């Protein structure tokens, strides 16, 4: 599209007027390869006197070549187009220092494309299928147009926006000049928590995240956000007690939207509201805590305490998981859990770490159920549910109530056994706990107050496996763990799991596992320490 000299003069005059103040017509360039979509967008602008479409293109390259003549305030462009795509178009506009603000209008919802568009300078990203006239002009009306005279100043402001928080602190910059009682939070975005989640890309997504959080903070009018590569962002919020509910709403909305839009967990470390620490003191505490805090595969807010900083927040020990299955020791399990949670509350432990330890504790219970040959189809079916529930808890009181009700409910069928089945279960539980001791069938018969011959027949009928074979299976399972986790000799391992003779242990291992001890270790990358 070419313009006459008279049109160029008119465009230049309109450009000057567009910088003059609020209410002046904004100049728009449209770039869209679908003709019907382009006509539809043009019709929206024709009905709005605050905007004028100075040029429309079906390809990015001609639009780029015409920028000098059209001199737009706003460019609305698609991403997927023949020839030069929208991201390349954005990159070229950035390299040319074009003052126009760019809004993406696309049908692509791919997170990597969205984040890269923001990194390249786009000020907003609108999905075509969600295009609404009122929403479109609400977004465009909120975009500030800059004049060429302010370009250098704008560039300096842009650079200042992306300075690291730690650099600002080192230079004694006042990052909370308008906040009397600041609360500092660190958003950690770069850790990889599982194979199912990838850490966000360096630079690209941090810029997108900064823009996103800035918008959310502006809505709540509660603080500021600063980049902190490579971790993510630092938030400085108003910690006034009168604004506690507003802070809670902000955190709820932030975590909800992060879970929706970010393809990896984001952990938000924060100190307590009631603290009287300076920004610098809070930052040092957060910088130390980020190395030792425990995480679950979940986006959430994590409260830290003064005790954190290079050391785990508490060293409470969970009760032996086998107690949960032993009716006569169930009260000990409950008391142990209560003591664990009491210490977690006392030390203001990270709920994420507590959840992780509780998941491991339940896994150990499941391993016992498997060894007990308990039918756990329903338990296995509900295991994912347990993990999903645990990873979202951030309140220790609620977590305690739920866990102490949920686990006993899941193993209730073990306690409900009666008659001969209960007697056999008593024997199995005893063997699981005392497998390393010298145990005979006669010992178990006395424990159950039964005849040894009758117990032998009953055990095999209930378990489909003989007493001695069952005991050897438990001992060999423990031996395999020791062989992989330690460099102990075969003789040492055999004694630690209850075998008197190392040679007998080796023969039994080969017969029941199908490999020699040395082949088993070598197959798992361990040195064959004999």
Protein backbone atom coordinates (compact mmCIF):
# COMPACT_ATOMS: atom_id res chain seq x y z
CA UNK A 1 0.00 0.00 0.00
CA UNK A 2 1.48 3.33 -1.11
CA UNK A 3 0.62 6.88 0.00
CA UNK A 4 0.71 10.20 -1.89
CA UNK A 5 2.64 13.21 -0.53
CA UNK A 6 -0.62 14.74 0.71
CA UNK A 7 -1.48 11.52 2.55
CA UNK A 8 1.99 11.38 4.09
CA UNK A 9 1.57 14.95 5.40
CA UNK A 10 -1.84 14.00 6.85
CA UNK A 11 -0.34 10.91 8.48
CA UNK A 12 2.48 12.94 10.01
CA UNK A 13 0.02 15.46 11.44
CA UNK A 14 -2.11 12.67 12.88
CA UNK A 15 0.98 11.06 14.44
CA UNK A 16 1.80 14.29 16.28
CA UNK A 17 -1.83 14.60 17.44
CA UNK A 18 -1.85 10.99 18.67
CA UNK A 19 0.88 11.83 21.16
CA UNK A 20 -0.84 14.97 22.40
CA UNK A 21 -3.00 13.39 25.11
CA UNK A 22 -6.01 11.37 26.07
CA UNK A 23 -8.90 11.16 23.63
CA UNK A 24 -6.74 11.57 20.50
CA UNK A 25 -7.19 9.10 17.64
CA UNK A 26 -4.80 6.15 17.74
CA UNK A 27 -3.34 4.92 14.47
CA UNK A 28 -3.65 1.17 13.85
CA UNK A 29 -2.01 -1.26 11.42
CA UNK A 30 -3.63 -4.68 10.96
CA UNK A 31 -1.71 -7.78 9.82
CA UNK A 32 -3.93 -10.83 9.19
CA UNK A 33 -3.75 -13.41 6.40
CA UNK A 34 -7.40 -14.54 6.63
CA UNK A 35 -9.45 -12.13 4.53
CA UNK A 36 -12.75 -12.60 6.38
CA UNK A 37 -11.10 -12.14 9.77
CA UNK A 38 -9.35 -9.01 8.50
CA UNK A 39 -12.61 -7.53 7.23
CA UNK A 40 -14.27 -8.32 10.54
CA UNK A 41 -11.56 -6.56 12.54
CA UNK A 42 -11.66 -3.54 10.21
CA UNK A 43 -15.41 -3.24 10.74
CA UNK A 44 -14.90 -3.09 14.52
CA UNK A 45 -12.53 -0.15 14.16
CA UNK A 46 -14.75 1.65 11.67
CA UNK A 47 -17.38 1.99 14.39
CA UNK A 48 -14.92 3.39 16.95
CA UNK A 49 -13.93 7.04 16.55
CA UNK A 50 -10.95 6.69 18.91
CA UNK A 51 -9.05 4.61 16.35
CA UNK A 52 -8.25 4.76 12.66
CA UNK A 53 -6.88 1.88 10.58
CA UNK A 54 -4.08 3.44 8.52
CA UNK A 55 -3.10 0.21 6.75
CA UNK A 56 -4.12 -3.46 6.47
CA UNK A 57 -1.85 -6.27 5.29
CA UNK A 58 -2.26 -9.98 4.63
CA UNK A 59 1.49 -10.61 5.02
CA UNK A 60 4.06 -9.49 7.59
CA UNK A 61 6.85 -8.50 5.19
CA UNK A 62 4.91 -5.73 3.38
CA UNK A 63 3.72 -4.46 6.77
CA UNK A 64 7.34 -4.28 7.94
CA UNK A 65 8.39 -2.45 4.79
CA UNK A 66 5.58 0.09 5.21
CA UNK A 67 6.18 0.91 8.87
CA UNK A 68 8.18 4.05 8.04
CA UNK A 69 5.26 5.49 6.06
CA UNK A 70 2.34 4.33 8.17
CA UNK A 71 4.00 5.19 11.52
CA UNK A 72 1.33 3.40 13.60
CA UNK A 73 0.65 3.69 17.31
CA UNK A 74 -0.68 0.14 17.46
CA UNK A 75 0.01 -3.00 15.41
CA UNK A 76 -2.42 -5.90 15.67
CA UNK A 77 -0.95 -9.02 14.10
CA UNK A 78 -1.54 -12.72 13.71
CA UNK A 79 1.19 -15.28 14.51
CA UNK A 80 0.71 -18.03 11.94
CA UNK A 81 0.99 -16.49 8.46
CA UNK A 82 2.57 -17.47 5.12
CA UNK A 83 6.10 -16.19 4.66
CA UNK A 84 7.33 -14.25 7.67
CA UNK A 85 5.48 -15.41 10.78
CA UNK A 86 4.28 -13.14 13.55
CA UNK A 87 7.14 -13.92 15.95
CA UNK A 88 9.75 -13.06 13.33
CA UNK A 89 7.76 -9.91 12.55
CA UNK A 90 7.88 -8.96 16.25
CA UNK A 91 11.62 -9.59 16.37
CA UNK A 92 12.23 -7.38 13.33
CA UNK A 93 10.06 -4.61 14.80
CA UNK A 94 12.06 -4.77 18.00
CA UNK A 95 15.37 -4.62 16.14
CA UNK A 96 14.13 -1.56 14.21
CA UNK A 97 13.12 0.15 17.49
CA UNK A 98 9.62 0.75 16.18
CA UNK A 99 7.67 2.78 18.75
CA UNK A 100 4.32 1.09 17.97
CA UNK A 101 2.83 -1.19 20.61
CA UNK A 102 2.07 -4.69 19.29
CA UNK A 103 -0.98 -6.77 20.22
CA UNK A 104 -1.16 -10.41 19.12
CA UNK A 105 -4.48 -11.69 17.80
CA UNK A 106 -4.14 -15.43 17.21
CA UNK A 107 -5.88 -18.79 17.52
CA UNK A 108 -2.71 -20.41 18.97
CA UNK A 109 -2.79 -21.16 22.71
CA UNK A 110 0.68 -22.75 22.93
CA UNK A 111 2.40 -21.50 26.09
CA UNK A 112 5.85 -21.26 24.51
CA UNK A 113 4.50 -19.08 21.68
CA UNK A 114 2.63 -16.79 24.06
CA UNK A 115 5.66 -16.32 26.31
CA UNK A 116 8.03 -15.71 23.41
CA UNK A 117 5.65 -13.09 21.97
CA UNK A 118 5.79 -11.19 25.26
CA UNK A 119 9.56 -11.52 25.39
CA UNK A 120 9.79 -9.98 21.91
CA UNK A 121 7.78 -6.96 22.99
CA UNK A 122 4.08 -7.74 22.56
CA UNK A 123 1.95 -5.90 25.11
CA UNK A 124 -1.00 -8.30 24.97
CA UNK A 125 -2.13 -11.61 23.48
CA UNK A 126 -5.79 -12.06 22.46
CA UNK A 127 -7.26 -15.37 21.29
CA UNK A 128 -9.41 -15.10 18.17
CA UNK A 129 -12.11 -17.40 19.48
CA UNK A 130 -12.40 -15.21 22.58
CA UNK A 131 -12.45 -11.94 20.63
CA UNK A 132 -15.06 -9.60 22.02
CA UNK A 133 -15.48 -6.00 20.85
CA UNK A 134 -15.80 -4.56 24.35
CA UNK A 135 -12.82 -6.54 25.66
CA UNK A 136 -10.70 -5.64 22.61
CA UNK A 137 -11.16 -1.91 23.08
CA UNK A 138 -10.79 -2.16 26.84
CA UNK A 139 -7.33 -3.62 26.22
CA UNK A 140 -6.40 -1.13 23.50
CA UNK A 141 -7.67 1.87 25.50
CA UNK A 142 -5.33 0.90 28.32
CA UNK A 143 -2.20 0.92 26.14
CA UNK A 144 -0.06 4.05 26.52
CA UNK A 145 1.31 5.46 23.27
CA UNK A 146 4.85 6.85 23.27
CA UNK A 147 6.28 9.60 21.06
CA UNK A 148 9.69 9.28 19.35
CA UNK A 149 11.03 12.02 21.64
CA UNK A 150 10.41 9.75 24.61
CA UNK A 151 11.99 6.67 23.02
CA UNK A 152 15.32 6.96 24.85
CA UNK A 153 13.57 7.53 28.17
CA UNK A 154 11.23 4.61 27.51
CA UNK A 155 14.17 2.35 26.70
CA UNK A 156 15.85 3.32 29.98
CA UNK A 157 12.62 2.65 31.89
CA UNK A 158 12.28 -0.72 30.16
CA UNK A 159 15.84 -1.66 31.12
CA UNK A 160 15.21 -0.55 34.69
CA UNK A 161 12.09 -2.73 34.82
CA UNK A 162 14.18 -5.87 34.20
CA UNK A 163 16.99 -5.19 36.71
CA UNK A 164 17.43 -8.03 39.21
CA UNK A 165 16.00 -7.52 42.67
CA UNK A 166 19.29 -8.59 44.29
CA UNK A 167 21.14 -5.91 42.28
CA UNK A 168 18.69 -3.29 43.49
CA UNK A 169 19.24 -4.40 47.10
CA UNK A 170 23.02 -4.35 46.63
CA UNK A 171 22.76 -0.77 45.31
CA UNK A 172 20.57 0.22 48.30
CA UNK A 173 17.61 1.06 46.09
CA UNK A 174 14.37 1.71 47.96
CA UNK A 175 12.16 -0.99 46.46
CA UNK A 176 9.25 -0.30 48.83
CA UNK A 177 9.17 3.49 49.04
CA UNK A 178 5.36 3.57 49.07
CA UNK A 179 4.87 0.63 51.49
CA UNK A 180 5.21 1.21 55.23
CA UNK A 181 5.25 -2.48 56.20
CA UNK A 182 6.63 -4.53 53.28
CA UNK A 183 6.33 -8.31 52.89
CA UNK A 184 8.93 -9.89 50.56
CA UNK A 185 8.12 -13.10 48.64
CA UNK A 186 10.31 -15.14 46.29
CA UNK A 187 8.70 -16.96 43.35
CA UNK A 188 10.87 -19.94 42.39
CA UNK A 189 10.17 -20.94 38.79
CA UNK A 190 13.24 -22.82 37.59
CA UNK A 191 13.31 -26.06 39.60
CA UNK A 192 12.36 -29.33 37.93
CA UNK A 193 10.10 -31.32 40.23
CA UNK A 194 9.22 -34.34 38.11
CA UNK A 195 9.55 -35.80 34.64
CA UNK A 196 6.01 -34.62 33.93
CA UNK A 197 6.89 -30.96 34.37
CA UNK A 198 9.59 -28.91 32.70
CA UNK A 199 11.14 -25.81 34.27
CA UNK A 200 10.24 -22.58 32.50
CA UNK A 201 12.72 -21.26 29.96
CA UNK A 202 15.33 -18.74 31.05
CA UNK A 203 14.51 -15.15 30.15
CA UNK A 204 11.52 -15.74 27.89
CA UNK A 205 9.02 -16.93 30.47
CA UNK A 206 10.37 -14.76 33.28
CA UNK A 207 9.51 -11.67 31.23
CA UNK A 208 6.05 -13.06 30.51
CA UNK A 209 5.62 -13.88 34.21
CA UNK A 210 6.71 -10.38 35.22
CA UNK A 211 4.13 -8.79 32.92
CA UNK A 212 1.42 -11.16 34.14
CA UNK A 213 2.14 -10.56 37.85
CA UNK A 214 2.43 -6.79 37.30
CA UNK A 215 -1.09 -6.83 35.91
CA UNK A 216 -2.41 -8.84 38.87
CA UNK A 217 -0.70 -6.52 41.38
CA UNK A 218 -2.15 -3.49 39.62
CA UNK A 219 -5.63 -4.99 39.96
CA UNK A 220 -5.24 -5.53 43.70
CA UNK A 221 -3.08 -2.40 44.24
CA UNK A 222 -1.03 -4.28 46.80
CA UNK A 223 2.64 -4.17 45.80
CA UNK A 224 5.38 -4.55 43.20
CA UNK A 225 7.16 -7.32 41.27
CA UNK A 226 10.85 -7.50 40.31
CA UNK A 227 12.76 -10.06 38.22
CA UNK A 228 15.32 -12.26 39.95
CA UNK A 229 17.09 -14.52 37.47
CA UNK A 230 17.53 -17.44 37.58
CA UNK A 231 14.93 -18.12 40.30
CA UNK A 232 11.99 -16.14 38.95
CA UNK A 233 10.41 -13.08 40.57
CA UNK A 234 10.42 -11.19 43.86
CA UNK A 235 7.19 -9.69 45.18
CA UNK A 236 7.14 -6.77 47.64
CA UNK A 237 3.63 -6.59 49.09
CA UNK A 238 1.86 -4.35 51.57
CA UNK A 239 1.81 -6.31 54.86
CA UNK A 240 -0.54 -3.96 56.69
CA UNK A 241 -2.84 -6.12 58.84
CA UNK A 242 -5.87 -4.24 57.47
CA UNK A 243 -5.04 -5.61 54.01
CA UNK A 244 -4.66 -9.26 55.03
CA UNK A 245 -7.83 -10.37 53.26
CA UNK A 246 -6.75 -8.54 50.10
CA UNK A 247 -3.36 -10.31 50.28
CA UNK A 248 -5.12 -13.67 50.69
CA UNK A 249 -7.28 -12.96 47.63
CA UNK A 250 -4.16 -11.99 45.68
CA UNK A 251 -2.34 -15.22 46.62
CA UNK A 252 -5.40 -17.35 45.78
CA UNK A 253 -5.80 -15.72 42.38
CA UNK A 254 -2.06 -15.86 41.70
CA UNK A 255 -1.73 -19.58 42.47
CA UNK A 256 -4.91 -20.42 40.56
CA UNK A 257 -3.73 -18.62 37.42
CA UNK A 258 -0.18 -19.96 37.70
CA UNK A 259 -1.57 -23.51 37.84
CA UNK A 260 -3.62 -22.74 34.74
CA UNK A 261 -0.99 -21.02 32.60
CA UNK A 262 2.50 -22.13 33.76
CA UNK A 263 3.71 -25.55 32.60
CA UNK A 264 5.78 -26.20 35.73
CA UNK A 265 5.20 -25.73 39.47
CA UNK A 266 5.91 -22.28 40.92
CA UNK A 267 6.68 -22.17 44.65
CA UNK A 268 6.13 -18.81 46.36
CA UNK A 269 8.31 -18.48 49.47
CA UNK A 270 7.16 -15.87 51.97
CA UNK A 271 7.86 -14.77 55.53
CA UNK A 272 5.16 -14.14 58.12
CA UNK A 273 2.97 -11.03 58.05
CA UNK A 274 3.61 -10.18 61.67
CA UNK A 275 7.38 -9.93 61.31
CA UNK A 276 9.19 -6.62 61.79
CA UNK A 277 12.12 -7.40 59.49
CA UNK A 278 13.43 -4.96 56.91
CA UNK A 279 13.30 -5.73 53.19
CA UNK A 280 17.01 -6.59 53.28
CA UNK A 281 16.57 -8.96 56.24
CA UNK A 282 13.62 -10.71 54.58
CA UNK A 283 15.58 -11.07 51.35
CA UNK A 284 18.54 -12.69 53.12
CA UNK A 285 16.16 -15.11 54.85
CA UNK A 286 14.47 -16.03 51.56
CA UNK A 287 17.78 -16.39 49.71
CA UNK A 288 18.99 -18.86 52.37
CA UNK A 289 15.70 -20.74 52.65
CA UNK A 290 15.36 -21.43 48.94
CA UNK A 291 18.27 -23.89 49.12
CA UNK A 292 16.80 -25.98 51.93
CA UNK A 293 13.05 -25.73 51.55
CA UNK A 294 11.33 -28.95 50.46
CA UNK A 295 8.93 -28.89 47.53
CA UNK A 296 6.01 -30.95 46.28
CA UNK A 297 4.99 -31.12 42.66
CA UNK A 298 2.50 -28.28 43.09
CA UNK A 299 2.17 -24.52 42.72
CA UNK A 300 1.61 -23.08 46.18
CA UNK A 301 2.56 -20.45 48.76
CA UNK A 302 5.09 -21.71 51.34
CA UNK A 303 5.57 -19.96 54.69
CA UNK A 304 9.13 -19.97 56.05
CA UNK A 305 10.39 -19.19 59.53
CA UNK A 306 13.50 -17.70 61.08
CA UNK A 307 14.90 -21.17 61.79
CA UNK A 308 15.29 -21.84 58.07
CA UNK A 309 18.51 -21.07 56.26
CA UNK A 310 20.66 -24.01 55.28
CA UNK A 311 19.01 -26.47 57.68
CA UNK A 312 15.78 -28.49 57.38
CA UNK A 313 13.04 -26.75 59.38
CA UNK A 314 12.48 -29.66 61.79
CA UNK A 315 13.68 -33.20 62.42
CA UNK A 316 10.55 -34.94 63.66
CA UNK A 317 10.33 -38.68 62.93
CA UNK A 318 7.15 -40.35 61.75
CA UNK A 319 5.98 -43.46 63.66
CA UNK A 320 6.78 -46.90 62.27
CA UNK A 321 4.25 -47.48 59.47
CA UNK A 322 3.73 -51.10 60.55
CA UNK A 323 2.08 -49.84 63.76
CA UNK A 324 -0.82 -48.59 61.66
CA UNK A 325 -1.54 -52.19 60.65
CA UNK A 326 -1.12 -53.73 64.11
CA UNK A 327 -4.35 -53.39 66.04
CA UNK A 328 -2.63 -53.61 69.43
CA UNK A 329 -0.21 -50.80 68.48
CA UNK A 330 -2.56 -48.56 66.52
CA UNK A 331 -2.75 -46.12 69.47
CA UNK A 332 1.04 -45.80 69.34
CA UNK A 333 0.79 -44.87 65.66
CA UNK A 334 -1.80 -42.19 66.41
CA UNK A 335 0.29 -40.78 69.27
CA UNK A 336 3.37 -40.75 67.04
CA UNK A 337 1.48 -38.87 64.32
CA UNK A 338 0.17 -36.33 66.85
CA UNK A 339 3.72 -35.75 68.12
CA UNK A 340 4.97 -35.34 64.53
CA UNK A 341 2.35 -32.73 63.67
CA UNK A 342 2.86 -30.92 66.99
CA UNK A 343 6.55 -30.53 66.23
CA UNK A 344 5.77 -29.47 62.65
CA UNK A 345 3.49 -26.70 63.97
CA UNK A 346 5.99 -25.66 66.64
CA UNK A 347 8.75 -25.24 64.07
CA UNK A 348 6.38 -23.77 61.46
CA UNK A 349 7.49 -26.48 59.07
CA UNK A 350 7.01 -26.12 55.34
CA UNK A 351 3.73 -27.95 54.57
CA UNK A 352 5.27 -29.07 51.28
CA UNK A 353 7.98 -31.02 53.08
CA UNK A 354 5.45 -32.48 55.51
CA UNK A 355 3.28 -33.62 52.60
CA UNK A 356 6.24 -35.27 50.90
CA UNK A 357 7.16 -37.18 54.05
CA UNK A 358 3.54 -38.28 54.50
CA UNK A 359 3.45 -39.55 50.90
CA UNK A 360 6.57 -41.63 51.60
CA UNK A 361 4.99 -42.87 54.85
CA UNK A 362 1.90 -44.06 52.97
CA UNK A 363 4.08 -45.72 50.34
CA UNK A 364 5.79 -47.71 53.13
CA UNK A 365 2.36 -48.80 54.39
CA UNK A 366 1.51 -49.95 50.86
CA UNK A 367 4.72 -51.97 50.71
CA UNK A 368 3.74 -53.71 53.94
CA UNK A 369 0.26 -54.43 52.56
CA UNK A 370 1.87 -55.97 49.50
CA UNK A 371 4.13 -58.15 51.66
CA UNK A 372 1.12 -59.15 53.75
CA UNK A 373 -0.58 -60.34 50.55
CA UNK A 374 -3.56 -58.14 51.34
CA UNK A 375 -5.87 -57.53 48.39
CA UNK A 376 -5.18 -53.81 47.77
CA UNK A 377 -6.96 -53.22 44.47
CA UNK A 378 -9.06 -50.46 46.01
CA UNK A 379 -6.03 -49.00 47.76
CA UNK A 380 -4.02 -48.89 44.55
CA UNK A 381 -6.96 -47.30 42.78
CA UNK A 382 -7.08 -44.52 45.36
CA UNK A 383 -3.34 -43.91 45.57
CA UNK A 384 -3.32 -41.14 42.98
CA UNK A 385 -6.15 -39.47 44.84
CA UNK A 386 -4.07 -39.52 48.03
CA UNK A 387 -1.15 -37.85 46.23
CA UNK A 388 -3.39 -35.29 44.56
CA UNK A 389 -4.96 -34.39 47.90
CA UNK A 390 -1.68 -34.23 49.80
CA UNK A 391 0.16 -32.05 47.34
CA UNK A 392 -2.42 -29.28 47.60
CA UNK A 393 -2.47 -28.91 51.40
CA UNK A 394 -0.87 -25.74 52.79
CA UNK A 395 -2.47 -25.78 56.26
CA UNK A 396 -0.96 -28.14 58.83
CA UNK A 397 -4.10 -28.27 60.99
CA UNK A 398 -6.30 -29.36 58.10
CA UNK A 399 -3.60 -31.73 56.88
CA UNK A 400 -3.42 -33.44 60.29
CA UNK A 401 -7.20 -33.90 60.49
CA UNK A 402 -7.41 -35.35 57.00
CA UNK A 403 -4.40 -37.68 57.23
CA UNK A 404 -5.32 -39.14 60.62
CA UNK A 405 -8.77 -40.00 59.27
CA UNK A 406 -7.80 -41.07 55.75
CA UNK A 407 -5.06 -43.62 56.45
CA UNK A 408 -6.95 -45.66 59.07
CA UNK A 409 -9.92 -45.73 56.69
CA UNK A 410 -7.73 -47.14 53.92
CA UNK A 411 -6.44 -50.07 55.97
CA UNK A 412 -9.65 -50.73 57.94
CA UNK A 413 -10.08 -54.09 56.19
CA UNK A 414 -6.87 -55.33 57.88
CA UNK A 415 -8.24 -54.60 61.36
CA UNK A 416 -11.61 -56.11 60.47
CA UNK A 417 -10.12 -59.58 59.89
CA UNK A 418 -11.31 -62.17 62.40
CA UNK A 419 -10.93 -65.83 63.28
CA UNK A 420 -8.17 -67.80 61.54
CA UNK A 421 -7.48 -64.98 59.06
CA UNK A 422 -6.69 -62.67 61.96
CA UNK A 423 -4.31 -65.25 63.45
CA UNK A 424 -2.40 -65.58 60.16
CA UNK A 425 -2.26 -61.80 59.81
CA UNK A 426 -0.74 -61.58 63.32
CA UNK A 427 1.99 -64.00 62.24
CA UNK A 428 2.74 -62.06 59.04
CA UNK A 429 2.92 -58.73 60.86
CA UNK A 430 5.30 -60.26 63.41
CA UNK A 431 7.54 -61.62 60.64
CA UNK A 432 7.59 -58.25 58.86
CA UNK A 433 8.84 -56.58 62.02
CA UNK A 434 11.19 -59.28 63.36
CA UNK A 435 12.43 -60.99 60.18
CA UNK A 436 16.10 -60.58 61.22
CA UNK A 437 15.63 -62.60 64.42
CA UNK A 438 15.79 -66.38 64.79
CA UNK A 439 12.13 -67.34 64.25
CA UNK A 440 10.59 -70.82 64.16
CA UNK A 441 7.10 -72.08 63.43
CA UNK A 442 6.90 -73.22 67.06
CA UNK A 443 7.54 -69.62 68.20
CA UNK A 444 4.63 -68.41 66.10
CA UNK A 445 2.37 -71.20 67.32
CA UNK A 446 2.98 -70.13 70.93
CA UNK A 447 2.27 -66.50 69.92
CA UNK A 448 -1.10 -67.54 68.49
CA UNK A 449 -1.80 -70.16 71.16
CA UNK A 450 -2.16 -72.83 68.48
CA UNK A 451 -0.71 -76.22 67.57
CA UNK A 452 2.32 -75.77 65.27
CA UNK A 453 1.16 -78.40 62.75
CA UNK A 454 -2.29 -76.83 62.53
CA UNK A 455 -0.75 -73.33 62.16
CA UNK A 456 1.46 -74.59 59.32
CA UNK A 457 -1.56 -75.96 57.43
CA UNK A 458 -3.66 -72.85 58.19
CA UNK A 459 -0.90 -70.47 57.07
CA UNK A 460 -0.47 -72.26 53.74
CA UNK A 461 -4.23 -72.40 53.14
CA UNK A 462 -4.69 -68.68 53.86
CA UNK A 463 -1.50 -67.46 52.12
CA UNK A 464 -1.07 -69.97 49.27
CA UNK A 465 2.58 -70.17 50.39
CA UNK A 466 4.37 -72.08 53.18
CA UNK A 467 5.55 -70.44 56.42
CA UNK A 468 9.29 -70.90 55.72
CA UNK A 469 8.98 -69.74 52.11
CA UNK A 470 7.06 -66.64 53.20
CA UNK A 471 9.73 -65.75 55.78
CA UNK A 472 12.52 -66.28 53.22
CA UNK A 473 10.68 -64.05 50.74
CA UNK A 474 10.58 -61.18 53.26
CA UNK A 475 14.25 -61.67 54.16
CA UNK A 476 15.35 -61.74 50.51
CA UNK A 477 13.35 -58.58 49.76
CA UNK A 478 15.18 -56.79 52.57
CA UNK A 479 18.47 -58.25 51.38
CA UNK A 480 17.95 -56.84 47.87
CA UNK A 481 17.48 -53.37 49.34
CA UNK A 482 20.68 -53.69 51.38
CA UNK A 483 22.66 -55.01 48.41
CA UNK A 484 21.69 -51.98 46.31
CA UNK A 485 21.88 -49.32 49.03
CA UNK A 486 25.12 -50.39 50.74
CA UNK A 487 28.48 -51.92 49.92
CA UNK A 488 28.10 -54.55 52.66
CA UNK A 489 29.51 -58.00 51.99
CA UNK A 490 27.25 -60.96 51.24
CA UNK A 491 28.05 -62.44 54.65
CA UNK A 492 27.12 -59.19 56.40
CA UNK A 493 23.87 -58.82 54.44
CA UNK A 494 22.85 -62.42 55.08
CA UNK A 495 23.32 -62.00 58.84
CA UNK A 496 21.47 -58.67 58.92
CA UNK A 497 18.36 -60.21 57.36
CA UNK A 498 18.30 -63.30 59.55
CA UNK A 499 20.30 -66.02 57.72
CA UNK A 500 22.89 -67.97 59.73
CA UNK A 501 24.85 -69.22 56.70
CA UNK A 502 26.07 -66.92 53.88
CA UNK A 503 26.34 -69.89 51.51
CA UNK A 504 22.76 -70.92 52.23
CA UNK A 505 21.68 -67.31 51.63
CA UNK A 506 23.54 -67.22 48.27
CA UNK A 507 21.96 -70.49 47.07
CA UNK A 508 18.51 -69.38 48.14
CA UNK A 509 18.99 -65.96 46.53
CA UNK A 510 19.88 -67.51 43.17
CA UNK A 511 16.96 -69.96 43.33
CA UNK A 512 14.30 -67.39 44.29
CA UNK A 513 15.60 -64.24 42.52
CA UNK A 514 17.00 -66.02 39.45
CA UNK A 515 20.42 -64.35 39.68
CA UNK A 516 23.55 -64.66 41.74
CA UNK A 517 24.18 -61.85 44.25
CA UNK A 518 27.08 -60.46 42.16
CA UNK A 519 25.02 -60.52 38.94
CA UNK A 520 22.15 -58.78 40.76
CA UNK A 521 24.43 -56.01 41.97
CA UNK A 522 26.18 -55.64 38.62
CA UNK A 523 22.85 -55.45 36.82
CA UNK A 524 21.88 -52.47 38.97
CA UNK A 525 25.19 -50.64 38.55
CA UNK A 526 26.66 -51.71 41.92
CA UNK A 527 30.10 -53.12 42.60
CA UNK A 528 29.99 -56.88 43.34
CA UNK A 529 31.41 -56.63 46.88
CA UNK A 530 31.75 -60.20 48.06
